[in-house]
């Protein structure tokens, strides 16, 4: 797939590692699939090695896409092209926000900052507020073989990726997804399509997701 050119946003770059991550996905995961197919004696053996390399490449690419979807708060479609487009647009938005904030900070006089600093030093600093959030998994039908899935759980490293993998392993098709994080918790909403044995599959999927996020079955 050809790279989509990215417009430069005025101001400093944000999170170069995240941009490099998108570039690595666009590059198709390196050189793992570059072994040539030799059309001569031993052709079957070379084809087998090439197929295995292709499987590894696709698996690695899918894992990177899962990780990328976990970082982008709004994914319009689940296709690879849309995921990369949404990620690039999100990075541009963050870059613009950082630039705008720095411009606003540069306009604040130094005297005002000193006054605020001296005033705040005399005030009692209130302890941070602790927000408790209940882990939850809800599945609601919204049509024939269509469900609305809401998951609330702790925001952990690679936690969103594990949720996507668990859903994909059940053969459920995800048609829409939106995920946000707040105060150490993540709130994810999915629209899913379930094919054969819908009720049985949904029950098993709910049990698995409850165990994944550590929620109680209510």
C-alpha atoms as a PDB file:
ATOM      1  CA  UNK A   1       0.000   0.000   0.000  1.00  0.00           C
ATOM      2  CA  UNK A   2       1.542   3.390  -0.933  1.00  0.00           C
ATOM      3  CA  UNK A   3       2.264   5.803   1.844  1.00  0.00           C
ATOM      4  CA  UNK A   4      -0.127   8.640   2.339  1.00  0.00           C
ATOM      5  CA  UNK A   5       1.793  11.942   2.422  1.00  0.00           C
ATOM      6  CA  UNK A   6       1.466  13.772   5.724  1.00  0.00           C
ATOM      7  CA  UNK A   7       1.022  17.521   5.881  1.00  0.00           C
ATOM      8  CA  UNK A   8       3.431  19.236   8.255  1.00  0.00           C
ATOM      9  CA  UNK A   9       1.790  21.055  11.102  1.00  0.00           C
ATOM     10  CA  UNK A  10       3.392  24.268  12.309  1.00  0.00           C
ATOM     11  CA  UNK A  11       5.118  23.984  15.632  1.00  0.00           C
ATOM     12  CA  UNK A  12       7.206  21.285  17.292  1.00  0.00           C
ATOM     13  CA  UNK A  13       6.723  17.621  16.536  1.00  0.00           C
ATOM     14  CA  UNK A  14       4.877  15.501  19.091  1.00  0.00           C
ATOM     15  CA  UNK A  15       5.837  12.010  20.142  1.00  0.00           C
ATOM     16  CA  UNK A  16       8.278  11.017  17.381  1.00  0.00           C
ATOM     17  CA  UNK A  17       8.157   7.439  18.650  1.00  0.00           C
ATOM     18  CA  UNK A  18       4.440   7.282  17.880  1.00  0.00           C
ATOM     19  CA  UNK A  19       5.037   8.626  14.382  1.00  0.00           C
ATOM     20  CA  UNK A  20       7.803   6.066  13.891  1.00  0.00           C
ATOM     21  CA  UNK A  21       5.343   3.390  14.992  1.00  0.00           C
ATOM     22  CA  UNK A  22       2.887   4.436  12.254  1.00  0.00           C
ATOM     23  CA  UNK A  23       5.742   4.485   9.737  1.00  0.00           C
ATOM     24  CA  UNK A  24       6.736   0.944  10.685  1.00  0.00           C
ATOM     25  CA  UNK A  25       3.168  -0.239  10.054  1.00  0.00           C
ATOM     26  CA  UNK A  26       3.127   1.535   6.692  1.00  0.00           C
ATOM     27  CA  UNK A  27       6.420  -0.118   5.785  1.00  0.00           C
ATOM     28  CA  UNK A  28       4.828  -3.558   6.113  1.00  0.00           C
ATOM     29  CA  UNK A  29       6.894  -4.797   9.107  1.00  0.00           C
ATOM     30  CA  UNK A  30      10.391  -4.890   7.700  1.00  0.00           C
ATOM     31  CA  UNK A  31      12.135  -7.447   5.566  1.00  0.00           C
ATOM     32  CA  UNK A  32      10.490 -10.640   6.795  1.00  0.00           C
ATOM     33  CA  UNK A  33       8.608 -11.251   3.563  1.00  0.00           C
ATOM     34  CA  UNK A  34      11.432 -10.533   1.123  1.00  0.00           C
ATOM     35  CA  UNK A  35      12.649 -14.133   0.636  1.00  0.00           C
ATOM     36  CA  UNK A  36      12.449 -14.890  -3.078  1.00  0.00           C
ATOM     37  CA  UNK A  37      10.459 -17.793  -4.495  1.00  0.00           C
ATOM     38  CA  UNK A  38      12.929 -19.889  -6.499  1.00  0.00           C
ATOM     39  CA  UNK A  39      11.245 -21.473  -9.517  1.00  0.00           C
ATOM     40  CA  UNK A  40      13.514 -24.543  -9.887  1.00  0.00           C
ATOM     41  CA  UNK A  41      14.331 -27.781  -8.042  1.00  0.00           C
ATOM     42  CA  UNK A  42      13.248 -27.535  -4.430  1.00  0.00           C
ATOM     43  CA  UNK A  43      10.456 -25.149  -5.393  1.00  0.00           C
ATOM     44  CA  UNK A  44       8.059 -26.610  -2.823  1.00  0.00           C
ATOM     45  CA  UNK A  45      10.523 -26.079   0.017  1.00  0.00           C
ATOM     46  CA  UNK A  46      11.130 -22.451  -0.947  1.00  0.00           C
ATOM     47  CA  UNK A  47       7.408 -21.795  -1.302  1.00  0.00           C
ATOM     48  CA  UNK A  48       6.793 -23.253   2.142  1.00  0.00           C
ATOM     49  CA  UNK A  49       9.418 -20.973   3.696  1.00  0.00           C
ATOM     50  CA  UNK A  50       7.931 -18.007   1.878  1.00  0.00           C
ATOM     51  CA  UNK A  51       4.415 -18.786   3.083  1.00  0.00           C
ATOM     52  CA  UNK A  52       5.631 -19.095   6.662  1.00  0.00           C
ATOM     53  CA  UNK A  53       7.408 -15.744   6.394  1.00  0.00           C
ATOM     54  CA  UNK A  54       4.221 -14.206   5.018  1.00  0.00           C
ATOM     55  CA  UNK A  55       2.222 -15.591   7.948  1.00  0.00           C
ATOM     56  CA  UNK A  56       4.707 -14.137  10.415  1.00  0.00           C
ATOM     57  CA  UNK A  57       4.617 -10.806   8.632  1.00  0.00           C
ATOM     58  CA  UNK A  58       0.824 -10.650   8.726  1.00  0.00           C
ATOM     59  CA  UNK A  59       0.706 -11.680  12.379  1.00  0.00           C
ATOM     60  CA  UNK A  60       3.223  -8.993  13.290  1.00  0.00           C
ATOM     61  CA  UNK A  61       1.313  -6.408  11.254  1.00  0.00           C
ATOM     62  CA  UNK A  62      -1.985  -7.316  12.947  1.00  0.00           C
ATOM     63  CA  UNK A  63      -0.398  -7.004  16.398  1.00  0.00           C
ATOM     64  CA  UNK A  64       0.923  -3.560  15.500  1.00  0.00           C
ATOM     65  CA  UNK A  65      -2.511  -2.512  14.252  1.00  0.00           C
ATOM     66  CA  UNK A  66      -4.092  -3.686  17.516  1.00  0.00           C
ATOM     67  CA  UNK A  67      -1.566  -1.612  19.473  1.00  0.00           C
ATOM     68  CA  UNK A  68      -2.160   1.403  17.238  1.00  0.00           C
ATOM     69  CA  UNK A  69      -5.935   1.180  17.726  1.00  0.00           C
ATOM     70  CA  UNK A  70      -5.361   1.179  21.474  1.00  0.00           C
ATOM     71  CA  UNK A  71      -3.574   4.552  21.213  1.00  0.00           C
ATOM     72  CA  UNK A  72      -6.075   6.315  18.938  1.00  0.00           C
ATOM     73  CA  UNK A  73      -9.284   7.365  20.780  1.00  0.00           C
ATOM     74  CA  UNK A  74     -11.545   7.303  17.712  1.00  0.00           C
ATOM     75  CA  UNK A  75     -11.366   4.685  14.960  1.00  0.00           C
ATOM     76  CA  UNK A  76     -13.871   5.288  12.153  1.00  0.00           C
ATOM     77  CA  UNK A  77     -13.505   1.870  10.517  1.00  0.00           C
ATOM     78  CA  UNK A  78     -11.660  -1.348  11.359  1.00  0.00           C
ATOM     79  CA  UNK A  79      -9.804  -1.581   8.039  1.00  0.00           C
ATOM     80  CA  UNK A  80      -6.018  -1.168   8.005  1.00  0.00           C
ATOM     81  CA  UNK A  81      -6.161   1.890   5.757  1.00  0.00           C
ATOM     82  CA  UNK A  82      -8.716   3.665   7.969  1.00  0.00           C
ATOM     83  CA  UNK A  83      -6.759   2.830  11.129  1.00  0.00           C
ATOM     84  CA  UNK A  84      -3.578   4.397   9.727  1.00  0.00           C
ATOM     85  CA  UNK A  85      -5.493   7.420   8.432  1.00  0.00           C
ATOM     86  CA  UNK A  86      -7.172   7.959  11.819  1.00  0.00           C
ATOM     87  CA  UNK A  87      -3.810   7.619  13.598  1.00  0.00           C
ATOM     88  CA  UNK A  88      -2.157  10.209  11.350  1.00  0.00           C
ATOM     89  CA  UNK A  89      -5.083  12.622  11.783  1.00  0.00           C
ATOM     90  CA  UNK A  90      -4.949  12.149  15.558  1.00  0.00           C
ATOM     91  CA  UNK A  91      -1.216  12.915  15.649  1.00  0.00           C
ATOM     92  CA  UNK A  92      -1.829  16.078  13.634  1.00  0.00           C
ATOM     93  CA  UNK A  93      -4.530  17.158  16.095  1.00  0.00           C
ATOM     94  CA  UNK A  94      -2.181  16.620  19.044  1.00  0.00           C
ATOM     95  CA  UNK A  95       0.588  18.546  17.319  1.00  0.00           C
ATOM     96  CA  UNK A  96      -1.752  21.467  16.712  1.00  0.00           C
ATOM     97  CA  UNK A  97      -2.970  21.419  20.325  1.00  0.00           C
ATOM     98  CA  UNK A  98       0.606  21.496  21.633  1.00  0.00           C
ATOM     99  CA  UNK A  99       1.500  24.344  19.297  1.00  0.00           C
ATOM    100  CA  UNK A 100      -1.598  26.369  20.284  1.00  0.00           C
ATOM    101  CA  UNK A 101      -0.931  25.850  24.000  1.00  0.00           C
ATOM    102  CA  UNK A 102       2.691  26.939  23.664  1.00  0.00           C
ATOM    103  CA  UNK A 103       1.595  30.047  21.794  1.00  0.00           C
ATOM    104  CA  UNK A 104      -0.867  30.883  24.576  1.00  0.00           C
ATOM    105  CA  UNK A 105       1.767  30.333  27.265  1.00  0.00           C
ATOM    106  CA  UNK A 106       4.211  32.584  25.447  1.00  0.00           C
ATOM    107  CA  UNK A 107       1.686  35.459  25.632  1.00  0.00           C
ATOM    108  CA  UNK A 108       1.336  35.286  29.444  1.00  0.00           C
ATOM    109  CA  UNK A 109       3.490  37.985  31.131  1.00  0.00           C
ATOM    110  CA  UNK A 110       6.205  36.784  33.507  1.00  0.00           C
ATOM    111  CA  UNK A 111       4.893  39.086  36.269  1.00  0.00           C
ATOM    112  CA  UNK A 112       1.543  37.330  36.257  1.00  0.00           C
ATOM    113  CA  UNK A 113       3.255  33.961  36.611  1.00  0.00           C
ATOM    114  CA  UNK A 114       5.286  35.233  39.584  1.00  0.00           C
ATOM    115  CA  UNK A 115       2.161  36.571  41.304  1.00  0.00           C
ATOM    116  CA  UNK A 116       0.360  33.306  40.817  1.00  0.00           C
ATOM    117  CA  UNK A 117       3.366  31.403  42.165  1.00  0.00           C
ATOM    118  CA  UNK A 118       3.618  33.511  45.345  1.00  0.00           C
ATOM    119  CA  UNK A 119      -0.137  33.314  45.964  1.00  0.00           C
ATOM    120  CA  UNK A 120      -0.282  29.577  45.495  1.00  0.00           C
ATOM    121  CA  UNK A 121       2.635  29.033  47.884  1.00  0.00           C
ATOM    122  CA  UNK A 122       0.557  30.444  50.776  1.00  0.00           C
ATOM    123  CA  UNK A 123      -2.438  28.249  50.076  1.00  0.00           C
ATOM    124  CA  UNK A 124      -2.942  24.755  51.421  1.00  0.00           C
ATOM    125  CA  UNK A 125      -2.543  22.162  48.688  1.00  0.00           C
ATOM    126  CA  UNK A 126      -5.554  19.883  48.633  1.00  0.00           C
ATOM    127  CA  UNK A 127      -4.855  16.149  48.383  1.00  0.00           C
ATOM    128  CA  UNK A 128      -5.622  14.564  45.003  1.00  0.00           C
ATOM    129  CA  UNK A 129      -9.131  13.203  44.627  1.00  0.00           C
ATOM    130  CA  UNK A 130      -9.414   9.443  44.337  1.00  0.00           C
ATOM    131  CA  UNK A 131     -12.052   8.291  41.869  1.00  0.00           C
ATOM    132  CA  UNK A 132     -13.418   4.799  42.187  1.00  0.00           C
ATOM    133  CA  UNK A 133     -14.796   3.183  39.080  1.00  0.00           C
ATOM    134  CA  UNK A 134     -16.552  -0.168  38.908  1.00  0.00           C
ATOM    135  CA  UNK A 135     -15.333  -2.681  36.344  1.00  0.00           C
ATOM    136  CA  UNK A 136     -18.162  -3.585  34.025  1.00  0.00           C
ATOM    137  CA  UNK A 137     -19.020  -5.540  30.856  1.00  0.00           C
ATOM    138  CA  UNK A 138     -22.387  -4.919  29.190  1.00  0.00           C
ATOM    139  CA  UNK A 139     -23.778  -6.507  26.009  1.00  0.00           C
ATOM    140  CA  UNK A 140     -27.010  -5.082  24.605  1.00  0.00           C
ATOM    141  CA  UNK A 141     -28.752  -6.217  21.386  1.00  0.00           C
ATOM    142  CA  UNK A 142     -29.316  -3.422  18.865  1.00  0.00           C
ATOM    143  CA  UNK A 143     -30.624  -5.498  15.946  1.00  0.00           C
ATOM    144  CA  UNK A 144     -30.518  -8.928  14.387  1.00  0.00           C
ATOM    145  CA  UNK A 145     -27.157 -10.473  15.360  1.00  0.00           C
ATOM    146  CA  UNK A 146     -25.908  -6.986  16.278  1.00  0.00           C
ATOM    147  CA  UNK A 147     -24.806  -5.966  19.769  1.00  0.00           C
ATOM    148  CA  UNK A 148     -23.585  -2.929  21.647  1.00  0.00           C
ATOM    149  CA  UNK A 149     -20.611  -3.881  23.862  1.00  0.00           C
ATOM    150  CA  UNK A 150     -19.404  -1.598  26.666  1.00  0.00           C
ATOM    151  CA  UNK A 151     -16.339  -2.428  28.772  1.00  0.00           C
ATOM    152  CA  UNK A 152     -15.031  -0.466  31.770  1.00  0.00           C
ATOM    153  CA  UNK A 153     -11.797  -1.595  33.401  1.00  0.00           C
ATOM    154  CA  UNK A 154      -8.402  -0.485  34.612  1.00  0.00           C
ATOM    155  CA  UNK A 155      -6.196   1.153  32.013  1.00  0.00           C
ATOM    156  CA  UNK A 156      -3.245  -1.241  31.791  1.00  0.00           C
ATOM    157  CA  UNK A 157      -0.336  -1.622  29.397  1.00  0.00           C
ATOM    158  CA  UNK A 158      -1.560  -3.579  26.340  1.00  0.00           C
ATOM    159  CA  UNK A 159      -4.942  -4.052  28.067  1.00  0.00           C
ATOM    160  CA  UNK A 160      -6.923  -2.726  25.111  1.00  0.00           C
ATOM    161  CA  UNK A 161      -4.960  -4.969  22.753  1.00  0.00           C
ATOM    162  CA  UNK A 162      -5.876  -8.018  24.840  1.00  0.00           C
ATOM    163  CA  UNK A 163      -9.560  -7.076  24.651  1.00  0.00           C
ATOM    164  CA  UNK A 164      -9.402  -6.819  20.857  1.00  0.00           C
ATOM    165  CA  UNK A 165      -7.627 -10.164  20.608  1.00  0.00           C
ATOM    166  CA  UNK A 166     -10.214 -11.822  22.865  1.00  0.00           C
ATOM    167  CA  UNK A 167     -13.067 -10.491  20.732  1.00  0.00           C
ATOM    168  CA  UNK A 168     -11.350 -11.472  17.474  1.00  0.00           C
ATOM    169  CA  UNK A 169     -10.712 -15.028  18.716  1.00  0.00           C
ATOM    170  CA  UNK A 170     -14.469 -15.539  19.029  1.00  0.00           C
ATOM    171  CA  UNK A 171     -14.976 -14.781  15.344  1.00  0.00           C
ATOM    172  CA  UNK A 172     -17.002 -11.674  16.176  1.00  0.00           C
ATOM    173  CA  UNK A 173     -16.833  -8.854  13.642  1.00  0.00           C
ATOM    174  CA  UNK A 174     -16.198  -5.403  15.135  1.00  0.00           C
ATOM    175  CA  UNK A 175     -17.887  -2.709  13.025  1.00  0.00           C
ATOM    176  CA  UNK A 176     -17.220   0.335  15.196  1.00  0.00           C
ATOM    177  CA  UNK A 177     -15.070   1.154  18.203  1.00  0.00           C
ATOM    178  CA  UNK A 178     -14.430   4.080  20.538  1.00  0.00           C
ATOM    179  CA  UNK A 179     -12.165   4.084  23.591  1.00  0.00           C
ATOM    180  CA  UNK A 180     -11.238   6.734  26.157  1.00  0.00           C
ATOM    181  CA  UNK A 181      -9.194   6.729  29.374  1.00  0.00           C
ATOM    182  CA  UNK A 182      -9.731   8.717  32.582  1.00  0.00           C
ATOM    183  CA  UNK A 183      -8.269   8.525  36.094  1.00  0.00           C
ATOM    184  CA  UNK A 184      -6.553   5.208  35.424  1.00  0.00           C
ATOM    185  CA  UNK A 185      -9.625   3.565  33.886  1.00  0.00           C
ATOM    186  CA  UNK A 186     -10.570   2.853  30.276  1.00  0.00           C
ATOM    187  CA  UNK A 187     -14.059   3.080  28.783  1.00  0.00           C
ATOM    188  CA  UNK A 188     -14.429   1.163  25.511  1.00  0.00           C
ATOM    189  CA  UNK A 189     -17.538   0.894  23.342  1.00  0.00           C
ATOM    190  CA  UNK A 190     -17.834  -1.595  20.467  1.00  0.00           C
ATOM    191  CA  UNK A 191     -20.458  -2.341  17.834  1.00  0.00           C
ATOM    192  CA  UNK A 192     -20.214  -6.036  16.931  1.00  0.00           C
ATOM    193  CA  UNK A 193     -21.858  -8.501  14.553  1.00  0.00           C
ATOM    194  CA  UNK A 194     -22.403 -12.096  15.689  1.00  0.00           C
ATOM    195  CA  UNK A 195     -23.120 -14.813  13.136  1.00  0.00           C
ATOM    196  CA  UNK A 196     -24.104 -18.413  13.981  1.00  0.00           C
ATOM    197  CA  UNK A 197     -25.123 -19.483  17.517  1.00  0.00           C
ATOM    198  CA  UNK A 198     -25.406 -15.843  18.502  1.00  0.00           C
ATOM    199  CA  UNK A 199     -26.847 -16.224  22.025  1.00  0.00           C
ATOM    200  CA  UNK A 200     -24.418 -18.975  23.041  1.00  0.00           C
ATOM    201  CA  UNK A 201     -21.450 -17.097  21.588  1.00  0.00           C
ATOM    202  CA  UNK A 202     -22.411 -13.826  23.280  1.00  0.00           C
ATOM    203  CA  UNK A 203     -22.735 -15.558  26.670  1.00  0.00           C
ATOM    204  CA  UNK A 204     -19.292 -17.132  26.354  1.00  0.00           C
ATOM    205  CA  UNK A 205     -17.778 -13.876  25.106  1.00  0.00           C
ATOM    206  CA  UNK A 206     -19.197 -11.972  28.077  1.00  0.00           C
ATOM    207  CA  UNK A 207     -17.725 -14.491  30.546  1.00  0.00           C
ATOM    208  CA  UNK A 208     -14.313 -14.193  28.898  1.00  0.00           C
ATOM    209  CA  UNK A 209     -14.378 -10.385  28.936  1.00  0.00           C
ATOM    210  CA  UNK A 210     -15.488 -10.335  32.592  1.00  0.00           C
ATOM    211  CA  UNK A 211     -12.477 -12.458  33.473  1.00  0.00           C
ATOM    212  CA  UNK A 212     -10.196 -10.278  31.331  1.00  0.00           C
ATOM    213  CA  UNK A 213     -11.124  -7.002  33.068  1.00  0.00           C
ATOM    214  CA  UNK A 214     -11.592  -8.626  36.501  1.00  0.00           C
ATOM    215  CA  UNK A 215     -15.262  -7.671  36.809  1.00  0.00           C
ATOM    216  CA  UNK A 216     -17.904  -9.518  38.823  1.00  0.00           C
ATOM    217  CA  UNK A 217     -20.752 -11.296  37.005  1.00  0.00           C
ATOM    218  CA  UNK A 218     -23.888  -9.440  38.049  1.00  0.00           C
END
